[in-house]
Amino acid sequence: MKIKYPSKVSYALVVFVFLVFYGPLIPTLLTKEHQTEMLVALVVLSLLFAFILHLFFGTSYTIEKDKLYIKCGVFKYKPIQVSEIKEVANTKSLLSSPAPSFDRIVVKHGKHDAIIISPKGKLDFASDLVKINPNIKNNVG
């Protein structure tokens, strides 16, 4: 069994990152000064912003056999054994994580490990984990 869940993306978060990147440039763009420097800054910021968008829209969570694979753009996390997952629950935490959405869940595993993710269809995601490991405490809802 292999089930892939794309990440949910909060567009408000995308807009916020856009404003943080480009907002400080607006006054200089309006004065039309430092055109060469501004062009270089825009190119560099645009490349960085494109990379962040790739991370946001390239994030996915795959359940395959007894493992949960987390991919965030070009980065891959160490697989989590579903048999080691103790709980899945809703969270409001804003900690940095492979979850480009404010609609997040926390996956608690191992002795004291946890990771925050944001799969589309989080109810189905949690249910699929419980099918593999019925001992998981499912507090997603």
N, C-alpha and C. Protein backbone atom coordinates (compact mmCIF):
# COMPACT_ATOMS: atom_id res chain seq x y z
N MET A 1 0.84 -1.18 0.00
CA MET A 1 0.00 0.00 0.00
C MET A 1 0.89 1.24 0.00
N LYS A 2 0.67 2.14 -0.94
CA LYS A 2 1.39 3.40 -1.01
C LYS A 2 0.38 4.50 -1.25
N ILE A 3 0.27 5.42 -0.27
CA ILE A 3 -0.68 6.52 -0.38
C ILE A 3 0.10 7.82 -0.20
N LYS A 4 -0.06 8.72 -1.18
CA LYS A 4 0.64 9.99 -1.13
C LYS A 4 -0.35 11.12 -0.86
N TYR A 5 -0.03 11.92 0.14
CA TYR A 5 -0.85 13.07 0.49
C TYR A 5 -0.05 14.34 0.20
N PRO A 6 -0.54 15.19 -0.70
CA PRO A 6 0.15 16.48 -0.89
C PRO A 6 -0.12 17.35 0.34
N SER A 7 0.73 18.31 0.56
CA SER A 7 0.54 19.21 1.68
C SER A 7 -0.52 20.25 1.34
N LYS A 8 -1.26 20.63 2.35
CA LYS A 8 -2.17 21.75 2.23
C LYS A 8 -1.30 23.01 2.31
N VAL A 9 -1.60 24.01 1.51
CA VAL A 9 -0.82 25.25 1.50
C VAL A 9 -1.75 26.41 1.85
N SER A 10 -1.36 27.19 2.84
CA SER A 10 -2.12 28.40 3.20
C SER A 10 -1.66 29.54 2.32
N TYR A 11 -2.56 30.05 1.50
CA TYR A 11 -2.20 31.13 0.60
C TYR A 11 -1.90 32.41 1.37
N ALA A 12 -2.47 32.56 2.56
CA ALA A 12 -2.14 33.71 3.40
C ALA A 12 -0.65 33.68 3.77
N LEU A 13 -0.13 32.49 3.98
CA LEU A 13 1.30 32.34 4.29
C LEU A 13 2.15 32.71 3.07
N VAL A 14 1.71 32.32 1.89
CA VAL A 14 2.42 32.66 0.65
C VAL A 14 2.44 34.18 0.47
N VAL A 15 1.30 34.83 0.70
CA VAL A 15 1.21 36.29 0.57
C VAL A 15 2.11 36.96 1.61
N PHE A 16 2.11 36.44 2.83
CA PHE A 16 2.96 37.01 3.87
C PHE A 16 4.44 36.94 3.48
N VAL A 17 4.88 35.78 2.99
CA VAL A 17 6.28 35.64 2.57
C VAL A 17 6.58 36.58 1.42
N PHE A 18 5.65 36.70 0.47
CA PHE A 18 5.82 37.62 -0.65
C PHE A 18 6.02 39.06 -0.16
N LEU A 19 5.17 39.48 0.77
CA LEU A 19 5.27 40.84 1.29
C LEU A 19 6.56 41.08 2.06
N VAL A 20 7.01 40.08 2.80
CA VAL A 20 8.27 40.20 3.53
C VAL A 20 9.43 40.36 2.55
N PHE A 21 9.38 39.62 1.45
CA PHE A 21 10.45 39.69 0.45
C PHE A 21 10.44 40.99 -0.33
N TYR A 22 9.28 41.35 -0.86
CA TYR A 22 9.21 42.44 -1.81
C TYR A 22 8.75 43.78 -1.22
N GLY A 23 8.07 43.75 -0.09
CA GLY A 23 7.56 44.97 0.53
C GLY A 23 8.63 46.03 0.77
N PRO A 24 9.78 45.66 1.35
CA PRO A 24 10.81 46.69 1.60
C PRO A 24 11.36 47.34 0.33
N LEU A 25 11.17 46.73 -0.82
CA LEU A 25 11.70 47.30 -2.07
C LEU A 25 10.78 48.35 -2.69
N ILE A 26 9.53 48.38 -2.29
CA ILE A 26 8.54 49.26 -2.92
C ILE A 26 8.95 50.73 -2.87
N PRO A 27 9.37 51.27 -1.71
CA PRO A 27 9.76 52.69 -1.71
C PRO A 27 10.88 53.02 -2.70
N THR A 28 11.86 52.14 -2.80
CA THR A 28 12.97 52.39 -3.71
C THR A 28 12.51 52.26 -5.17
N LEU A 29 11.63 51.32 -5.43
CA LEU A 29 11.11 51.17 -6.80
C LEU A 29 10.33 52.40 -7.23
N LEU A 30 9.61 53.01 -6.30
CA LEU A 30 8.80 54.18 -6.63
C LEU A 30 9.67 55.42 -6.90
N THR A 31 10.84 55.49 -6.28
CA THR A 31 11.71 56.65 -6.50
C THR A 31 12.55 56.49 -7.75
N LYS A 32 12.59 55.32 -8.30
CA LYS A 32 13.34 55.02 -9.53
C LYS A 32 14.84 55.29 -9.39
N GLU A 33 15.32 55.16 -8.19
CA GLU A 33 16.76 55.29 -7.94
C GLU A 33 17.38 53.91 -7.86
N HIS A 34 18.67 53.86 -8.06
CA HIS A 34 19.43 52.61 -7.91
C HIS A 34 18.85 51.48 -8.77
N GLN A 35 18.56 51.78 -10.02
CA GLN A 35 17.92 50.81 -10.91
C GLN A 35 18.71 49.51 -11.06
N THR A 36 20.02 49.60 -11.22
CA THR A 36 20.83 48.38 -11.40
C THR A 36 20.80 47.53 -10.14
N GLU A 37 20.99 48.17 -8.99
CA GLU A 37 20.96 47.43 -7.71
C GLU A 37 19.59 46.80 -7.48
N MET A 38 18.54 47.54 -7.84
CA MET A 38 17.18 47.02 -7.65
C MET A 38 16.92 45.81 -8.56
N LEU A 39 17.43 45.87 -9.77
CA LEU A 39 17.25 44.75 -10.69
C LEU A 39 17.95 43.50 -10.13
N VAL A 40 19.15 43.67 -9.63
CA VAL A 40 19.89 42.54 -9.04
C VAL A 40 19.13 42.01 -7.82
N ALA A 41 18.66 42.92 -6.97
CA ALA A 41 17.91 42.51 -5.78
C ALA A 41 16.64 41.76 -6.16
N LEU A 42 15.93 42.26 -7.17
CA LEU A 42 14.70 41.59 -7.61
C LEU A 42 14.97 40.20 -8.16
N VAL A 43 16.04 40.05 -8.91
CA VAL A 43 16.38 38.73 -9.47
C VAL A 43 16.73 37.76 -8.34
N VAL A 44 17.56 38.20 -7.42
CA VAL A 44 17.97 37.33 -6.30
C VAL A 44 16.76 36.96 -5.44
N LEU A 45 15.96 37.96 -5.08
CA LEU A 45 14.77 37.69 -4.27
C LEU A 45 13.77 36.80 -5.01
N SER A 46 13.63 36.99 -6.30
CA SER A 46 12.70 36.16 -7.08
C SER A 46 13.16 34.71 -7.13
N LEU A 47 14.46 34.50 -7.27
CA LEU A 47 14.98 33.12 -7.24
C LEU A 47 14.74 32.48 -5.88
N LEU A 48 14.99 33.22 -4.83
CA LEU A 48 14.76 32.71 -3.48
C LEU A 48 13.28 32.45 -3.23
N PHE A 49 12.44 33.37 -3.68
CA PHE A 49 10.99 33.20 -3.52
C PHE A 49 10.50 31.98 -4.31
N ALA A 50 11.03 31.78 -5.50
CA ALA A 50 10.67 30.59 -6.30
C ALA A 50 11.07 29.31 -5.58
N PHE A 51 12.23 29.32 -4.94
CA PHE A 51 12.67 28.14 -4.18
C PHE A 51 11.72 27.88 -3.01
N ILE A 52 11.30 28.94 -2.32
CA ILE A 52 10.36 28.76 -1.20
C ILE A 52 9.02 28.24 -1.72
N LEU A 53 8.55 28.74 -2.85
CA LEU A 53 7.31 28.21 -3.43
C LEU A 53 7.46 26.73 -3.78
N HIS A 54 8.64 26.36 -4.29
CA HIS A 54 8.90 24.95 -4.59
C HIS A 54 8.82 24.11 -3.32
N LEU A 55 9.36 24.62 -2.22
CA LEU A 55 9.26 23.91 -0.94
C LEU A 55 7.80 23.78 -0.52
N PHE A 56 7.04 24.88 -0.62
CA PHE A 56 5.63 24.86 -0.21
C PHE A 56 4.82 23.86 -1.03
N PHE A 57 4.91 23.99 -2.35
CA PHE A 57 4.06 23.17 -3.22
C PHE A 57 4.67 21.80 -3.52
N GLY A 58 5.91 21.59 -3.13
CA GLY A 58 6.57 20.29 -3.32
C GLY A 58 6.61 19.46 -2.06
N THR A 59 5.83 19.85 -1.05
CA THR A 59 5.79 19.10 0.20
C THR A 59 4.72 18.02 0.10
N SER A 60 5.10 16.80 0.50
CA SER A 60 4.15 15.69 0.48
C SER A 60 4.50 14.69 1.58
N TYR A 61 3.51 13.88 1.89
CA TYR A 61 3.64 12.87 2.94
C TYR A 61 3.16 11.56 2.34
N THR A 62 4.01 10.55 2.35
CA THR A 62 3.68 9.27 1.73
C THR A 62 3.72 8.17 2.78
N ILE A 63 2.63 7.42 2.84
CA ILE A 63 2.58 6.24 3.70
C ILE A 63 2.82 5.04 2.80
N GLU A 64 3.88 4.31 3.07
CA GLU A 64 4.21 3.13 2.28
C GLU A 64 4.60 2.00 3.22
N LYS A 65 3.81 0.94 3.18
CA LYS A 65 3.99 -0.20 4.08
C LYS A 65 3.94 0.31 5.51
N ASP A 66 5.02 0.20 6.27
CA ASP A 66 5.03 0.60 7.67
C ASP A 66 5.87 1.86 7.88
N LYS A 67 5.95 2.72 6.86
CA LYS A 67 6.77 3.92 6.99
C LYS A 67 6.03 5.15 6.48
N LEU A 68 6.33 6.28 7.13
CA LEU A 68 5.83 7.57 6.71
C LEU A 68 7.02 8.36 6.17
N TYR A 69 6.93 8.73 4.89
CA TYR A 69 7.99 9.49 4.24
C TYR A 69 7.53 10.94 4.10
N ILE A 70 8.40 11.85 4.48
CA ILE A 70 8.08 13.28 4.41
C ILE A 70 9.09 13.93 3.48
N LYS A 71 8.55 14.60 2.45
CA LYS A 71 9.39 15.28 1.47
C LYS A 71 8.96 16.74 1.41
N CYS A 72 9.94 17.63 1.50
CA CYS A 72 9.69 19.07 1.45
C CYS A 72 10.55 19.64 0.34
N GLY A 73 9.98 19.72 -0.86
CA GLY A 73 10.76 20.16 -2.02
C GLY A 73 11.88 19.19 -2.31
N VAL A 74 13.11 19.67 -2.23
CA VAL A 74 14.27 18.80 -2.50
C VAL A 74 14.75 18.08 -1.24
N PHE A 75 14.17 18.42 -0.09
CA PHE A 75 14.61 17.83 1.17
C PHE A 75 13.74 16.64 1.56
N LYS A 76 14.39 15.59 2.05
CA LYS A 76 13.67 14.41 2.53
C LYS A 76 14.03 14.19 3.98
N TYR A 77 13.02 13.92 4.78
CA TYR A 77 13.21 13.65 6.20
C TYR A 77 13.44 12.15 6.39
N LYS A 78 14.02 11.81 7.52
CA LYS A 78 14.22 10.40 7.86
C LYS A 78 12.83 9.76 7.99
N PRO A 79 12.63 8.60 7.34
CA PRO A 79 11.32 7.93 7.42
C PRO A 79 10.94 7.61 8.87
N ILE A 80 9.66 7.69 9.15
CA ILE A 80 9.13 7.38 10.47
C ILE A 80 8.42 6.04 10.39
N GLN A 81 8.77 5.13 11.28
CA GLN A 81 8.08 3.84 11.36
C GLN A 81 6.67 4.09 11.90
N VAL A 82 5.66 3.68 11.17
CA VAL A 82 4.27 3.86 11.62
C VAL A 82 4.05 3.12 12.94
N SER A 83 4.77 2.01 13.14
CA SER A 83 4.64 1.26 14.38
C SER A 83 5.14 2.04 15.59
N GLU A 84 5.94 3.10 15.36
CA GLU A 84 6.46 3.93 16.45
C GLU A 84 5.62 5.18 16.71
N ILE A 85 4.60 5.40 15.87
CA ILE A 85 3.75 6.58 16.06
C ILE A 85 2.80 6.30 17.22
N LYS A 86 2.76 7.26 18.14
CA LYS A 86 1.92 7.12 19.33
C LYS A 86 0.62 7.92 19.23
N GLU A 87 0.71 9.08 18.56
CA GLU A 87 -0.46 9.95 18.50
C GLU A 87 -0.39 10.87 17.28
N VAL A 88 -1.55 11.17 16.73
CA VAL A 88 -1.71 12.23 15.74
C VAL A 88 -2.80 13.15 16.26
N ALA A 89 -2.53 14.45 16.24
CA ALA A 89 -3.49 15.40 16.82
C ALA A 89 -3.40 16.74 16.11
N ASN A 90 -4.49 17.49 16.15
CA ASN A 90 -4.48 18.85 15.64
C ASN A 90 -3.53 19.69 16.48
N THR A 91 -2.94 20.69 15.86
CA THR A 91 -2.06 21.61 16.60
C THR A 91 -2.17 23.01 16.01
N LYS A 92 -1.97 23.98 16.84
CA LYS A 92 -1.94 25.39 16.41
C LYS A 92 -0.51 25.92 16.43
N SER A 93 0.45 25.05 16.68
CA SER A 93 1.85 25.45 16.79
C SER A 93 2.33 26.09 15.49
N LEU A 94 3.12 27.15 15.62
CA LEU A 94 3.69 27.83 14.46
C LEU A 94 5.17 27.51 14.30
N LEU A 95 5.63 26.47 15.00
CA LEU A 95 7.02 26.06 14.87
C LEU A 95 7.35 25.73 13.42
N SER A 96 8.57 25.98 13.05
CA SER A 96 9.03 25.66 11.70
C SER A 96 8.92 24.15 11.49
N SER A 97 8.38 23.80 10.35
CA SER A 97 8.17 22.39 10.05
C SER A 97 7.83 22.23 8.58
N PRO A 98 7.80 20.97 8.10
CA PRO A 98 7.38 20.75 6.70
C PRO A 98 5.85 20.82 6.57
N ALA A 99 5.29 21.97 6.93
CA ALA A 99 3.84 22.16 6.94
C ALA A 99 3.53 23.58 6.48
N PRO A 100 3.39 23.80 5.17
CA PRO A 100 3.14 25.15 4.66
C PRO A 100 1.68 25.59 4.77
N SER A 101 1.06 25.27 5.88
CA SER A 101 -0.32 25.63 6.12
C SER A 101 -0.50 25.90 7.60
N PHE A 102 -1.54 26.65 7.94
CA PHE A 102 -1.86 26.87 9.34
C PHE A 102 -2.77 25.76 9.87
N ASP A 103 -3.28 24.91 8.99
CA ASP A 103 -4.12 23.77 9.36
C ASP A 103 -3.20 22.57 9.52
N ARG A 104 -2.69 22.36 10.73
CA ARG A 104 -1.60 21.40 10.96
C ARG A 104 -1.98 20.30 11.92
N ILE A 105 -1.23 19.21 11.82
CA ILE A 105 -1.33 18.14 12.80
C ILE A 105 0.08 17.81 13.28
N VAL A 106 0.14 17.29 14.48
CA VAL A 106 1.42 16.85 15.02
C VAL A 106 1.41 15.32 15.06
N VAL A 107 2.52 14.74 14.63
CA VAL A 107 2.70 13.28 14.67
C VAL A 107 3.74 13.01 15.74
N LYS A 108 3.30 12.39 16.83
CA LYS A 108 4.21 12.06 17.93
C LYS A 108 4.67 10.63 17.75
N HIS A 109 6.00 10.44 17.81
CA HIS A 109 6.56 9.12 17.55
C HIS A 109 7.82 8.92 18.39
N GLY A 110 8.25 7.68 18.49
CA GLY A 110 9.45 7.39 19.28
C GLY A 110 9.22 7.75 20.73
N LYS A 111 10.32 7.98 21.48
CA LYS A 111 10.18 8.33 22.90
C LYS A 111 9.65 9.75 23.09
N HIS A 112 10.29 10.73 22.45
CA HIS A 112 9.90 12.12 22.65
C HIS A 112 9.90 12.92 21.36
N ASP A 113 9.83 12.26 20.22
CA ASP A 113 9.90 12.95 18.94
C ASP A 113 8.51 13.34 18.44
N ALA A 114 8.49 14.44 17.71
CA ALA A 114 7.24 14.90 17.10
C ALA A 114 7.59 15.72 15.86
N ILE A 115 6.70 15.67 14.89
CA ILE A 115 6.87 16.48 13.69
C ILE A 115 5.50 17.05 13.34
N ILE A 116 5.50 18.29 12.88
CA ILE A 116 4.27 18.97 12.50
C ILE A 116 4.16 18.95 10.99
N ILE A 117 3.00 18.51 10.50
CA ILE A 117 2.77 18.40 9.06
C ILE A 117 1.38 18.95 8.73
N SER A 118 1.09 19.08 7.44
CA SER A 118 -0.22 19.62 7.03
C SER A 118 -0.76 18.91 5.79
N PRO A 119 -1.09 17.63 5.91
CA PRO A 119 -1.61 16.94 4.72
C PRO A 119 -3.01 17.40 4.34
N LYS A 120 -3.26 17.46 3.02
CA LYS A 120 -4.64 17.64 2.56
C LYS A 120 -5.35 16.36 2.95
N GLY A 121 -6.57 16.45 3.40
CA GLY A 121 -7.29 15.25 3.82
C GLY A 121 -6.71 14.67 5.10
N LYS A 122 -6.52 15.52 6.10
CA LYS A 122 -5.85 15.06 7.32
C LYS A 122 -6.64 13.97 8.05
N LEU A 123 -7.97 13.96 7.92
CA LEU A 123 -8.76 12.90 8.54
C LEU A 123 -8.45 11.54 7.90
N ASP A 124 -8.39 11.52 6.57
CA ASP A 124 -8.05 10.28 5.87
C ASP A 124 -6.61 9.87 6.17
N PHE A 125 -5.72 10.84 6.24
CA PHE A 125 -4.32 10.58 6.55
C PHE A 125 -4.20 9.89 7.91
N ALA A 126 -4.84 10.46 8.93
CA ALA A 126 -4.80 9.88 10.27
C ALA A 126 -5.43 8.50 10.28
N SER A 127 -6.53 8.35 9.57
CA SER A 127 -7.21 7.06 9.50
C SER A 127 -6.33 5.99 8.85
N ASP A 128 -5.60 6.38 7.79
CA ASP A 128 -4.71 5.43 7.13
C ASP A 128 -3.57 4.99 8.04
N LEU A 129 -3.08 5.90 8.86
CA LEU A 129 -2.03 5.53 9.83
C LEU A 129 -2.58 4.55 10.87
N VAL A 130 -3.80 4.81 11.35
CA VAL A 130 -4.43 3.95 12.36
C VAL A 130 -4.71 2.56 11.80
N LYS A 131 -5.01 2.47 10.51
CA LYS A 131 -5.23 1.16 9.88
C LYS A 131 -3.98 0.30 9.98
N ILE A 132 -2.82 0.94 9.86
CA ILE A 132 -1.55 0.21 9.93
C ILE A 132 -1.18 -0.06 11.38
N ASN A 133 -1.40 0.93 12.25
CA ASN A 133 -1.06 0.79 13.66
C ASN A 133 -2.27 1.21 14.50
N PRO A 134 -3.12 0.24 14.89
CA PRO A 134 -4.33 0.55 15.65
C PRO A 134 -4.06 1.15 17.04
N ASN A 135 -2.80 1.13 17.50
CA ASN A 135 -2.47 1.68 18.80
C ASN A 135 -2.28 3.20 18.78
N ILE A 136 -2.33 3.80 17.59
CA ILE A 136 -2.16 5.26 17.49
C ILE A 136 -3.40 5.93 18.07
N LYS A 137 -3.14 6.91 18.95
CA LYS A 137 -4.21 7.72 19.51
C LYS A 137 -4.54 8.79 18.47
N ASN A 138 -5.73 8.73 17.88
CA ASN A 138 -6.13 9.63 16.80
C ASN A 138 -6.98 10.76 17.37
N ASN A 139 -6.38 11.96 17.47
CA ASN A 139 -7.09 13.15 17.95
C ASN A 139 -7.21 14.20 16.85
N VAL A 140 -7.32 13.73 15.61
CA VAL A 140 -7.51 14.63 14.48
C VAL A 140 -9.00 14.71 14.20
N GLY A 141 -9.50 15.90 14.11
CA GLY A 141 -10.93 16.01 13.84
C GLY A 141 -11.40 17.41 13.72
